[in-house]
Amino acid sequence: MLKPNMSHIVQLMRRSVDRMQLEGAIRPGSKKIVRLEEVFPFRPQDVEGIDYAEKDSIRFHLKNGRIFDGFGKPAEQPGMPGK
């Protein structure tokens, strides 16, 4: 697991949101830029580390033990299928 600095975390979250917009997974409505808070249920400062589950599949590990994928959804935790 990588332990990136705050600017790298923000950059990775921003890339995830931008990619979702390009792929049509989220629509910005009347505004062109979707804020990170509209997609992710956590703040960049809550992230303890980052890893990649598969190619292009990022996971954000929070300080409270929770894990989220690049879509802002809870991710499977190692050893706990479906959780």
PDB file of N, CA and C in Angstrom:
ATOM      1  N   MET A   1       0.848  -1.182   0.000  1.00  0.00           N
ATOM      2  CA  MET A   1       0.000   0.000   0.000  1.00  0.00           C
ATOM      3  C   MET A   1       0.893   1.244   0.000  1.00  0.00           C
ATOM      4  N   LEU A   2       0.573   2.166  -0.882  1.00  0.00           N
ATOM      5  CA  LEU A   2       1.310   3.424  -0.970  1.00  0.00           C
ATOM      6  C   LEU A   2       0.802   4.408   0.076  1.00  0.00           C
ATOM      7  N   LYS A   3       1.686   5.212   0.616  1.00  0.00           N
ATOM      8  CA  LYS A   3       1.302   6.254   1.564  1.00  0.00           C
ATOM      9  C   LYS A   3       1.645   7.606   0.934  1.00  0.00           C
ATOM     10  N   PRO A   4       0.780   8.072   0.014  1.00  0.00           N
ATOM     11  CA  PRO A   4       1.065   9.308  -0.718  1.00  0.00           C
ATOM     12  C   PRO A   4       0.820  10.559   0.113  1.00  0.00           C
ATOM     13  N   ASN A   5       1.369  11.671  -0.373  1.00  0.00           N
ATOM     14  CA  ASN A   5       1.121  12.937   0.312  1.00  0.00           C
ATOM     15  C   ASN A   5      -0.246  13.486  -0.104  1.00  0.00           C
ATOM     16  N   MET A   6      -0.682  14.538   0.566  1.00  0.00           N
ATOM     17  CA  MET A   6      -2.024  15.080   0.366  1.00  0.00           C
ATOM     18  C   MET A   6      -2.274  15.507  -1.085  1.00  0.00           C
ATOM     19  N   SER A   7      -1.307  16.164  -1.710  1.00  0.00           N
ATOM     20  CA  SER A   7      -1.533  16.628  -3.081  1.00  0.00           C
ATOM     21  C   SER A   7      -1.685  15.453  -4.044  1.00  0.00           C
ATOM     22  N   HIS A   8      -0.984  14.366  -3.797  1.00  0.00           N
ATOM     23  CA  HIS A   8      -1.118  13.181  -4.645  1.00  0.00           C
ATOM     24  C   HIS A   8      -2.487  12.533  -4.449  1.00  0.00           C
ATOM     25  N   ILE A   9      -2.964  12.484  -3.228  1.00  0.00           N
ATOM     26  CA  ILE A   9      -4.296  11.928  -2.949  1.00  0.00           C
ATOM     27  C   ILE A   9      -5.361  12.742  -3.677  1.00  0.00           C
ATOM     28  N   VAL A  10      -5.290  14.057  -3.564  1.00  0.00           N
ATOM     29  CA  VAL A  10      -6.263  14.929  -4.232  1.00  0.00           C
ATOM     30  C   VAL A  10      -6.202  14.714  -5.741  1.00  0.00           C
ATOM     31  N   GLN A  11      -4.997  14.623  -6.275  1.00  0.00           N
ATOM     32  CA  GLN A  11      -4.817  14.418  -7.709  1.00  0.00           C
ATOM     33  C   GLN A  11      -5.447  13.096  -8.159  1.00  0.00           C
ATOM     34  N   LEU A  12      -5.253  12.032  -7.415  1.00  0.00           N
ATOM     35  CA  LEU A  12      -5.830  10.735  -7.767  1.00  0.00           C
ATOM     36  C   LEU A  12      -7.354  10.747  -7.661  1.00  0.00           C
ATOM     37  N   MET A  13      -7.878  11.416  -6.646  1.00  0.00           N
ATOM     38  CA  MET A  13      -9.334  11.529  -6.512  1.00  0.00           C
ATOM     39  C   MET A  13      -9.908  12.330  -7.680  1.00  0.00           C
ATOM     40  N   ARG A  14      -9.249  13.421  -8.038  1.00  0.00           N
ATOM     41  CA  ARG A  14      -9.690  14.271  -9.156  1.00  0.00           C
ATOM     42  C   ARG A  14      -9.679  13.484 -10.464  1.00  0.00           C
ATOM     43  N   ARG A  15      -8.609  12.712 -10.680  1.00  0.00           N
ATOM     44  CA  ARG A  15      -8.537  11.878 -11.891  1.00  0.00           C
ATOM     45  C   ARG A  15      -9.686  10.881 -11.947  1.00  0.00           C
ATOM     46  N   SER A  16     -10.024  10.294 -10.799  1.00  0.00           N
ATOM     47  CA  SER A  16     -11.130   9.335 -10.755  1.00  0.00           C
ATOM     48  C   SER A  16     -12.440  10.006 -11.152  1.00  0.00           C
ATOM     49  N   VAL A  17     -12.683  11.196 -10.616  1.00  0.00           N
ATOM     50  CA  VAL A  17     -13.911  11.927 -10.933  1.00  0.00           C
ATOM     51  C   VAL A  17     -13.927  12.313 -12.414  1.00  0.00           C
ATOM     52  N   ASP A  18     -12.818  12.822 -12.911  1.00  0.00           N
ATOM     53  CA  ASP A  18     -12.749  13.211 -14.322  1.00  0.00           C
ATOM     54  C   ASP A  18     -12.997  12.021 -15.237  1.00  0.00           C
ATOM     55  N   ARG A  19     -12.434  10.880 -14.872  1.00  0.00           N
ATOM     56  CA  ARG A  19     -12.638   9.667 -15.677  1.00  0.00           C
ATOM     57  C   ARG A  19     -14.099   9.229 -15.662  1.00  0.00           C
ATOM     58  N   MET A  20     -14.727   9.316 -14.499  1.00  0.00           N
ATOM     59  CA  MET A  20     -16.146   8.958 -14.418  1.00  0.00           C
ATOM     60  C   MET A  20     -16.978   9.866 -15.311  1.00  0.00           C
ATOM     61  N   GLN A  21     -16.648  11.162 -15.334  1.00  0.00           N
ATOM     62  CA  GLN A  21     -17.364  12.097 -16.189  1.00  0.00           C
ATOM     63  C   GLN A  21     -17.159  11.743 -17.662  1.00  0.00           C
ATOM     64  N   LEU A  22     -15.932  11.466 -18.063  1.00  0.00           N
ATOM     65  CA  LEU A  22     -15.654  11.113 -19.454  1.00  0.00           C
ATOM     66  C   LEU A  22     -16.375   9.843 -19.882  1.00  0.00           C
ATOM     67  N   GLU A  23     -16.455   8.878 -18.965  1.00  0.00           N
ATOM     68  CA  GLU A  23     -17.104   7.605 -19.273  1.00  0.00           C
ATOM     69  C   GLU A  23     -18.623   7.677 -19.126  1.00  0.00           C
ATOM     70  N   GLY A  24     -19.129   8.811 -18.650  1.00  0.00           N
ATOM     71  CA  GLY A  24     -20.573   8.971 -18.494  1.00  0.00           C
ATOM     72  C   GLY A  24     -21.143   8.357 -17.234  1.00  0.00           C
ATOM     73  N   ALA A  25     -20.268   7.939 -16.308  1.00  0.00           N
ATOM     74  CA  ALA A  25     -20.739   7.334 -15.057  1.00  0.00           C
ATOM     75  C   ALA A  25     -21.385   8.371 -14.141  1.00  0.00           C
ATOM     76  N   ILE A  26     -20.956   9.617 -14.261  1.00  0.00           N
ATOM     77  CA  ILE A  26     -21.592  10.704 -13.520  1.00  0.00           C
ATOM     78  C   ILE A  26     -21.803  11.872 -14.470  1.00  0.00           C
ATOM     79  N   ARG A  27     -22.871  12.587 -14.241  1.00  0.00           N
ATOM     80  CA  ARG A  27     -23.192  13.747 -15.066  1.00  0.00           C
ATOM     81  C   ARG A  27     -23.056  14.997 -14.213  1.00  0.00           C
ATOM     82  N   PRO A  28     -22.374  15.988 -14.746  1.00  0.00           N
ATOM     83  CA  PRO A  28     -22.167  17.198 -13.957  1.00  0.00           C
ATOM     84  C   PRO A  28     -23.374  18.125 -13.880  1.00  0.00           C
ATOM     85  N   GLY A  29     -24.459  17.801 -14.598  1.00  0.00           N
ATOM     86  CA  GLY A  29     -25.609  18.702 -14.579  1.00  0.00           C
ATOM     87  C   GLY A  29     -25.250  19.986 -15.298  1.00  0.00           C
ATOM     88  N   SER A  30     -25.564  21.092 -14.705  1.00  0.00           N
ATOM     89  CA  SER A  30     -25.306  22.371 -15.351  1.00  0.00           C
ATOM     90  C   SER A  30     -23.874  22.861 -15.177  1.00  0.00           C
ATOM     91  N   LYS A  31     -23.129  22.239 -14.263  1.00  0.00           N
ATOM     92  CA  LYS A  31     -21.754  22.684 -14.048  1.00  0.00           C
ATOM     93  C   LYS A  31     -20.784  21.694 -14.679  1.00  0.00           C
ATOM     94  N   LYS A  32     -19.653  22.195 -15.089  1.00  0.00           N
ATOM     95  CA  LYS A  32     -18.683  21.354 -15.781  1.00  0.00           C
ATOM     96  C   LYS A  32     -17.794  20.578 -14.823  1.00  0.00           C
ATOM     97  N   ILE A  33     -17.528  21.119 -13.659  1.00  0.00           N
ATOM     98  CA  ILE A  33     -16.624  20.460 -12.716  1.00  0.00           C
ATOM     99  C   ILE A  33     -17.425  19.893 -11.547  1.00  0.00           C
ATOM    100  N   VAL A  34     -17.279  18.601 -11.331  1.00  0.00           N
ATOM    101  CA  VAL A  34     -17.913  17.933 -10.200  1.00  0.00           C
ATOM    102  C   VAL A  34     -16.916  17.964  -9.047  1.00  0.00           C
ATOM    103  N   ARG A  35     -17.384  18.405  -7.886  1.00  0.00           N
ATOM    104  CA  ARG A  35     -16.504  18.468  -6.713  1.00  0.00           C
ATOM    105  C   ARG A  35     -16.267  17.079  -6.147  1.00  0.00           C
ATOM    106  N   LEU A  36     -15.105  16.894  -5.549  1.00  0.00           N
ATOM    107  CA  LEU A  36     -14.757  15.597  -4.967  1.00  0.00           C
ATOM    108  C   LEU A  36     -15.782  15.148  -3.933  1.00  0.00           C
ATOM    109  N   GLU A  37     -16.278  16.103  -3.148  1.00  0.00           N
ATOM    110  CA  GLU A  37     -17.245  15.786  -2.080  1.00  0.00           C
ATOM    111  C   GLU A  37     -18.564  15.237  -2.629  1.00  0.00           C
ATOM    112  N   GLU A  38     -18.847  15.486  -3.893  1.00  0.00           N
ATOM    113  CA  GLU A  38     -20.076  14.992  -4.500  1.00  0.00           C
ATOM    114  C   GLU A  38     -19.965  13.522  -4.891  1.00  0.00           C
ATOM    115  N   VAL A  39     -18.740  12.997  -4.932  1.00  0.00           N
ATOM    116  CA  VAL A  39     -18.514  11.614  -5.339  1.00  0.00           C
ATOM    117  C   VAL A  39     -18.022  10.754  -4.182  1.00  0.00           C
ATOM    118  N   PHE A  40     -17.074  11.280  -3.431  1.00  0.00           N
ATOM    119  CA  PHE A  40     -16.446  10.500  -2.371  1.00  0.00           C
ATOM    120  C   PHE A  40     -17.026  10.853  -0.999  1.00  0.00           C
ATOM    121  N   PRO A  41     -17.375   9.839  -0.200  1.00  0.00           N
ATOM    122  CA  PRO A  41     -17.910  10.084   1.138  1.00  0.00           C
ATOM    123  C   PRO A  41     -16.810  10.276   2.190  1.00  0.00           C
ATOM    124  N   PHE A  42     -15.662  10.743   1.764  1.00  0.00           N
ATOM    125  CA  PHE A  42     -14.543  11.004   2.673  1.00  0.00           C
ATOM    126  C   PHE A  42     -13.734  12.160   2.117  1.00  0.00           C
ATOM    127  N   ARG A  43     -12.878  12.715   2.956  1.00  0.00           N
ATOM    128  CA  ARG A  43     -12.019  13.831   2.554  1.00  0.00           C
ATOM    129  C   ARG A  43     -10.610  13.299   2.260  1.00  0.00           C
ATOM    130  N   PRO A  44      -9.850  14.009   1.448  1.00  0.00           N
ATOM    131  CA  PRO A  44      -8.490  13.548   1.162  1.00  0.00           C
ATOM    132  C   PRO A  44      -7.664  13.328   2.432  1.00  0.00           C
ATOM    133  N   GLN A  45      -7.859  14.155   3.450  1.00  0.00           N
ATOM    134  CA  GLN A  45      -7.087  13.999   4.684  1.00  0.00           C
ATOM    135  C   GLN A  45      -7.483  12.765   5.496  1.00  0.00           C
ATOM    136  N   ASP A  46      -8.585  12.098   5.103  1.00  0.00           N
ATOM    137  CA  ASP A  46      -8.998  10.858   5.761  1.00  0.00           C
ATOM    138  C   ASP A  46      -8.264   9.639   5.206  1.00  0.00           C
ATOM    139  N   VAL A  47      -7.571   9.818   4.081  1.00  0.00           N
ATOM    140  CA  VAL A  47      -6.906   8.703   3.402  1.00  0.00           C
ATOM    141  C   VAL A  47      -5.551   8.414   4.046  1.00  0.00           C
ATOM    142  N   GLU A  48      -5.370   7.141   4.380  1.00  0.00           N
ATOM    143  CA  GLU A  48      -4.101   6.707   4.966  1.00  0.00           C
ATOM    144  C   GLU A  48      -3.176   6.128   3.897  1.00  0.00           C
ATOM    145  N   GLY A  49      -3.764   5.455   2.919  1.00  0.00           N
ATOM    146  CA  GLY A  49      -2.960   4.837   1.878  1.00  0.00           C
ATOM    147  C   GLY A  49      -3.792   4.511   0.658  1.00  0.00           C
ATOM    148  N   ILE A  50      -3.104   4.135  -0.406  1.00  0.00           N
ATOM    149  CA  ILE A  50      -3.744   3.828  -1.679  1.00  0.00           C
ATOM    150  C   ILE A  50      -3.125   2.557  -2.223  1.00  0.00           C
ATOM    151  N   ASP A  51      -3.967   1.712  -2.834  1.00  0.00           N
ATOM    152  CA  ASP A  51      -3.433   0.571  -3.561  1.00  0.00           C
ATOM    153  C   ASP A  51      -4.264   0.358  -4.813  1.00  0.00           C
ATOM    154  N   TYR A  52      -3.849  -0.606  -5.601  1.00  0.00           N
ATOM    155  CA  TYR A  52      -4.524  -0.906  -6.852  1.00  0.00           C
ATOM    156  C   TYR A  52      -4.937  -2.359  -6.811  1.00  0.00           C
ATOM    157  N   ALA A  53      -6.268  -2.604  -6.829  1.00  0.00           N
ATOM    158  CA  ALA A  53      -6.786  -3.962  -6.752  1.00  0.00           C
ATOM    159  C   ALA A  53      -6.527  -4.702  -8.060  1.00  0.00           C
ATOM    160  N   GLU A  54      -6.734  -4.040  -9.165  1.00  0.00           N
ATOM    161  CA  GLU A  54      -6.505  -4.590 -10.497  1.00  0.00           C
ATOM    162  C   GLU A  54      -6.013  -3.444 -11.363  1.00  0.00           C
ATOM    163  N   LYS A  55      -5.746  -3.719 -12.602  1.00  0.00           N
ATOM    164  CA  LYS A  55      -5.307  -2.663 -13.517  1.00  0.00           C
ATOM    165  C   LYS A  55      -6.355  -1.547 -13.536  1.00  0.00           C
ATOM    166  N   ASP A  56      -5.931  -0.333 -13.292  1.00  0.00           N
ATOM    167  CA  ASP A  56      -6.797   0.851 -13.288  1.00  0.00           C
ATOM    168  C   ASP A  56      -7.894   0.800 -12.234  1.00  0.00           C
ATOM    169  N   SER A  57      -7.742  -0.001 -11.205  1.00  0.00           N
ATOM    170  CA  SER A  57      -8.747  -0.086 -10.146  1.00  0.00           C
ATOM    171  C   SER A  57      -8.117   0.364  -8.827  1.00  0.00           C
ATOM    172  N   ILE A  58      -8.282   1.629  -8.529  1.00  0.00           N
ATOM    173  CA  ILE A  58      -7.668   2.224  -7.345  1.00  0.00           C
ATOM    174  C   ILE A  58      -8.539   1.990  -6.112  1.00  0.00           C
ATOM    175  N   ARG A  59      -7.898   1.873  -4.967  1.00  0.00           N
ATOM    176  CA  ARG A  59      -8.628   1.770  -3.703  1.00  0.00           C
ATOM    177  C   ARG A  59      -8.010   2.734  -2.708  1.00  0.00           C
ATOM    178  N   PHE A  60      -8.885   3.458  -2.020  1.00  0.00           N
ATOM    179  CA  PHE A  60      -8.464   4.420  -1.001  1.00  0.00           C
ATOM    180  C   PHE A  60      -8.677   3.788   0.372  1.00  0.00           C
ATOM    181  N   HIS A  61      -7.621   3.645   1.147  1.00  0.00           N
ATOM    182  CA  HIS A  61      -7.692   3.089   2.499  1.00  0.00           C
ATOM    183  C   HIS A  61      -7.758   4.261   3.477  1.00  0.00           C
ATOM    184  N   LEU A  62      -8.829   4.306   4.244  1.00  0.00           N
ATOM    185  CA  LEU A  62      -9.005   5.401   5.188  1.00  0.00           C
ATOM    186  C   LEU A  62      -8.369   5.078   6.535  1.00  0.00           C
ATOM    187  N   LYS A  63      -8.128   6.110   7.296  1.00  0.00           N
ATOM    188  CA  LYS A  63      -7.530   5.960   8.629  1.00  0.00           C
ATOM    189  C   LYS A  63      -8.425   5.169   9.572  1.00  0.00           C
ATOM    190  N   ASN A  64      -9.753   5.172   9.321  1.00  0.00           N
ATOM    191  CA  ASN A  64     -10.682   4.450  10.184  1.00  0.00           C
ATOM    192  C   ASN A  64     -10.851   2.986   9.773  1.00  0.00           C
ATOM    193  N   GLY A  65     -10.042   2.534   8.777  1.00  0.00           N
ATOM    194  CA  GLY A  65     -10.074   1.134   8.366  1.00  0.00           C
ATOM    195  C   GLY A  65     -10.969   0.836   7.174  1.00  0.00           C
ATOM    196  N   ARG A  66     -11.810   1.767   6.792  1.00  0.00           N
ATOM    197  CA  ARG A  66     -12.700   1.546   5.652  1.00  0.00           C
ATOM    198  C   ARG A  66     -11.916   1.689   4.349  1.00  0.00           C
ATOM    199  N   ILE A  67     -12.412   1.015   3.298  1.00  0.00           N
ATOM    200  CA  ILE A  67     -11.772   1.049   1.984  1.00  0.00           C
ATOM    201  C   ILE A  67     -12.827   1.415   0.943  1.00  0.00           C
ATOM    202  N   PHE A  68     -12.474   2.343   0.050  1.00  0.00           N
ATOM    203  CA  PHE A  68     -13.372   2.761  -1.016  1.00  0.00           C
ATOM    204  C   PHE A  68     -12.672   2.621  -2.359  1.00  0.00           C
ATOM    205  N   ASP A  69     -13.472   2.316  -3.387  1.00  0.00           N
ATOM    206  CA  ASP A  69     -12.903   2.216  -4.728  1.00  0.00           C
ATOM    207  C   ASP A  69     -12.863   3.590  -5.393  1.00  0.00           C
ATOM    208  N   GLY A  70     -12.413   3.630  -6.624  1.00  0.00           N
ATOM    209  CA  GLY A  70     -12.278   4.869  -7.365  1.00  0.00           C
ATOM    210  C   GLY A  70     -13.592   5.508  -7.761  1.00  0.00           C
ATOM    211  N   PHE A  71     -14.716   4.825  -7.469  1.00  0.00           N
ATOM    212  CA  PHE A  71     -16.040   5.379  -7.728  1.00  0.00           C
ATOM    213  C   PHE A  71     -16.686   5.919  -6.453  1.00  0.00           C
ATOM    214  N   GLY A  72     -15.935   5.873  -5.355  1.00  0.00           N
ATOM    215  CA  GLY A  72     -16.469   6.351  -4.083  1.00  0.00           C
ATOM    216  C   GLY A  72     -17.374   5.353  -3.388  1.00  0.00           C
ATOM    217  N   LYS A  73     -17.334   4.113  -3.822  1.00  0.00           N
ATOM    218  CA  LYS A  73     -18.166   3.048  -3.236  1.00  0.00           C
ATOM    219  C   LYS A  73     -17.319   2.195  -2.301  1.00  0.00           C
ATOM    220  N   PRO A  74     -17.933   1.648  -1.249  1.00  0.00           N
ATOM    221  CA  PRO A  74     -17.186   0.757  -0.363  1.00  0.00           C
ATOM    222  C   PRO A  74     -16.591  -0.403  -1.162  1.00  0.00           C
ATOM    223  N   ALA A  75     -15.335  -0.699  -0.926  1.00  0.00           N
ATOM    224  CA  ALA A  75     -14.641  -1.779  -1.641  1.00  0.00           C
ATOM    225  C   ALA A  75     -14.523  -2.993  -0.747  1.00  0.00           C
ATOM    226  N   GLU A  76     -14.323  -4.141  -1.391  1.00  0.00           N
ATOM    227  CA  GLU A  76     -14.085  -5.357  -0.626  1.00  0.00           C
ATOM    228  C   GLU A  76     -12.820  -5.207   0.180  1.00  0.00           C
ATOM    229  N   GLN A  77     -12.869  -5.646   1.414  1.00  0.00           N
ATOM    230  CA  GLN A  77     -11.683  -5.605   2.253  1.00  0.00           C
ATOM    231  C   GLN A  77     -11.006  -6.969   2.188  1.00  0.00           C
ATOM    232  N   PRO A  78      -9.690  -6.994   2.176  1.00  0.00           N
ATOM    233  CA  PRO A  78      -8.969  -8.267   2.101  1.00  0.00           C
ATOM    234  C   PRO A  78      -9.440  -9.233   3.182  1.00  0.00           C
ATOM    235  N   GLY A  79      -9.725 -10.464   2.753  1.00  0.00           N
ATOM    236  CA  GLY A  79     -10.151 -11.485   3.697  1.00  0.00           C
ATOM    237  C   GLY A  79     -11.610 -11.372   4.116  1.00  0.00           C
ATOM    238  N   MET A  80     -12.340 -10.428   3.545  1.00  0.00           N
ATOM    239  CA  MET A  80     -13.750 -10.254   3.897  1.00  0.00           C
ATOM    240  C   MET A  80     -14.566 -10.091   2.614  1.00  0.00           C
ATOM    241  N   PRO A  81     -14.796 -11.177   1.859  1.00  0.00           N
ATOM    242  CA  PRO A  81     -15.538 -11.072   0.607  1.00  0.00           C
ATOM    243  C   PRO A  81     -16.899 -10.425   0.812  1.00  0.00           C
ATOM    244  N   GLY A  82     -17.250  -9.552  -0.096  1.00  0.00           N
ATOM    245  CA  GLY A  82     -18.561  -8.915  -0.034  1.00  0.00           C
ATOM    246  C   GLY A  82     -18.678  -7.800   0.970  1.00  0.00           C
ATOM    247  N   LYS A  83     -17.615  -7.453   1.664  1.00  0.00           N
ATOM    248  CA  LYS A  83     -17.681  -6.402   2.682  1.00  0.00           C
ATOM    249  C   LYS A  83     -17.006  -5.163   2.178  1.00  0.00           C
TER     250      LYS A  83
END
